[in-house]
Amino acid sequence: MVTRAVLRKLLFIVHCLQAIFTRLSFTDNCFWRVYLTGEHSLPCCPEYLKKNRFFSDFSGICPEWGIF
């Protein structure tokens, strides 16, 4: 027998999945893109991975690499 608490939890999961798959754009969301395709594209990647931001955020961490 399924209790009301279990039904409420299942309904919550259904609503969350419905929102994810019907309201969020997969083409613009860089995190969904990497989950589905396994890679980021240049126009659709997180800010911390963009070239100008990456070098400014991690400058000086490993100077022996010679890239910073």
C-alpha atoms as a PDB file:
ATOM      1  CA  MET A   1       0.000   0.000   0.000  1.00  0.00           C
ATOM      2  CA  VAL A   2       1.310   3.439  -0.964  1.00  0.00           C
ATOM      3  CA  THR A   3       0.978   6.102   1.690  1.00  0.00           C
ATOM      4  CA  ARG A   4       0.117   9.752   1.141  1.00  0.00           C
ATOM      5  CA  ALA A   5       3.650  10.789   2.065  1.00  0.00           C
ATOM      6  CA  VAL A   6       5.091   8.581  -0.672  1.00  0.00           C
ATOM      7  CA  LEU A   7       2.573   9.945  -3.179  1.00  0.00           C
ATOM      8  CA  ARG A   8       3.494  13.535  -2.240  1.00  0.00           C
ATOM      9  CA  LYS A   9       7.175  12.784  -2.777  1.00  0.00           C
ATOM     10  CA  LEU A  10       6.499  11.146  -6.132  1.00  0.00           C
ATOM     11  CA  LEU A  11       4.341  14.087  -7.201  1.00  0.00           C
ATOM     12  CA  PHE A  12       7.135  16.480  -6.220  1.00  0.00           C
ATOM     13  CA  ILE A  13       9.616  14.509  -8.334  1.00  0.00           C
ATOM     14  CA  VAL A  14       7.223  14.492 -11.285  1.00  0.00           C
ATOM     15  CA  HIS A  15       6.751  18.274 -11.041  1.00  0.00           C
ATOM     16  CA  CYS A  16      10.515  18.837 -10.853  1.00  0.00           C
ATOM     17  CA  LEU A  17      11.211  16.650 -13.863  1.00  0.00           C
ATOM     18  CA  GLN A  18       8.392  18.288 -15.785  1.00  0.00           C
ATOM     19  CA  ALA A  19       9.862  21.722 -15.111  1.00  0.00           C
ATOM     20  CA  ILE A  20      13.344  20.593 -16.100  1.00  0.00           C
ATOM     21  CA  PHE A  21      12.328  19.002 -19.374  1.00  0.00           C
ATOM     22  CA  THR A  22       9.638  21.458 -20.484  1.00  0.00           C
ATOM     23  CA  ARG A  23      10.772  24.888 -19.262  1.00  0.00           C
ATOM     24  CA  LEU A  24      14.567  24.880 -19.453  1.00  0.00           C
ATOM     25  CA  SER A  25      16.335  25.277 -22.757  1.00  0.00           C
ATOM     26  CA  PHE A  26      18.929  22.586 -23.420  1.00  0.00           C
ATOM     27  CA  THR A  27      20.687  24.692 -26.048  1.00  0.00           C
ATOM     28  CA  ASP A  28      21.377  27.648 -23.747  1.00  0.00           C
ATOM     29  CA  ASN A  29      22.048  25.780 -20.520  1.00  0.00           C
ATOM     30  CA  CYS A  30      25.732  24.860 -20.413  1.00  0.00           C
ATOM     31  CA  PHE A  31      25.280  22.355 -17.599  1.00  0.00           C
ATOM     32  CA  TRP A  32      22.604  20.353 -19.413  1.00  0.00           C
ATOM     33  CA  ARG A  33      24.741  20.406 -22.543  1.00  0.00           C
ATOM     34  CA  VAL A  34      27.688  18.798 -20.753  1.00  0.00           C
ATOM     35  CA  TYR A  35      25.453  16.192 -19.105  1.00  0.00           C
ATOM     36  CA  LEU A  36      23.875  15.204 -22.414  1.00  0.00           C
ATOM     37  CA  THR A  37      26.804  15.533 -24.831  1.00  0.00           C
ATOM     38  CA  GLY A  38      29.789  15.196 -22.509  1.00  0.00           C
ATOM     39  CA  GLU A  39      31.387  18.473 -23.596  1.00  0.00           C
ATOM     40  CA  HIS A  40      30.959  22.231 -23.638  1.00  0.00           C
ATOM     41  CA  SER A  41      30.776  24.268 -26.793  1.00  0.00           C
ATOM     42  CA  LEU A  42      32.594  27.587 -27.160  1.00  0.00           C
ATOM     43  CA  PRO A  43      29.479  29.763 -27.143  1.00  0.00           C
ATOM     44  CA  CYS A  44      27.813  27.735 -24.394  1.00  0.00           C
ATOM     45  CA  CYS A  45      30.168  27.191 -21.489  1.00  0.00           C
ATOM     46  CA  PRO A  46      30.265  28.464 -17.894  1.00  0.00           C
ATOM     47  CA  GLU A  47      31.894  31.837 -17.292  1.00  0.00           C
ATOM     48  CA  TYR A  48      34.704  30.315 -15.233  1.00  0.00           C
ATOM     49  CA  LEU A  49      35.819  28.239 -18.249  1.00  0.00           C
ATOM     50  CA  LYS A  50      35.930  31.101 -20.738  1.00  0.00           C
ATOM     51  CA  LYS A  51      39.461  31.973 -21.787  1.00  0.00           C
ATOM     52  CA  ASN A  52      39.649  35.544 -20.450  1.00  0.00           C
ATOM     53  CA  ARG A  53      38.046  34.598 -17.126  1.00  0.00           C
ATOM     54  CA  PHE A  54      40.008  31.357 -16.663  1.00  0.00           C
ATOM     55  CA  PHE A  55      43.381  33.048 -16.903  1.00  0.00           C
ATOM     56  CA  SER A  56      42.384  35.874 -14.572  1.00  0.00           C
ATOM     57  CA  ASP A  57      40.908  33.525 -11.945  1.00  0.00           C
ATOM     58  CA  PHE A  58      43.846  31.117 -11.885  1.00  0.00           C
ATOM     59  CA  SER A  59      46.751  33.474 -12.500  1.00  0.00           C
ATOM     60  CA  GLY A  60      49.787  32.711 -10.412  1.00  0.00           C
ATOM     61  CA  ILE A  61      48.658  29.297  -9.216  1.00  0.00           C
ATOM     62  CA  CYS A  62      51.312  27.369 -11.098  1.00  0.00           C
ATOM     63  CA  PRO A  63      53.897  29.739 -12.576  1.00  0.00           C
ATOM     64  CA  GLU A  64      56.229  26.906 -13.657  1.00  0.00           C
ATOM     65  CA  TRP A  65      53.741  26.001 -16.376  1.00  0.00           C
ATOM     66  CA  GLY A  66      54.623  29.250 -18.072  1.00  0.00           C
ATOM     67  CA  ILE A  67      51.111  29.903 -19.334  1.00  0.00           C
ATOM     68  CA  PHE A  68      50.002  32.402 -16.724  1.00  0.00           C
END
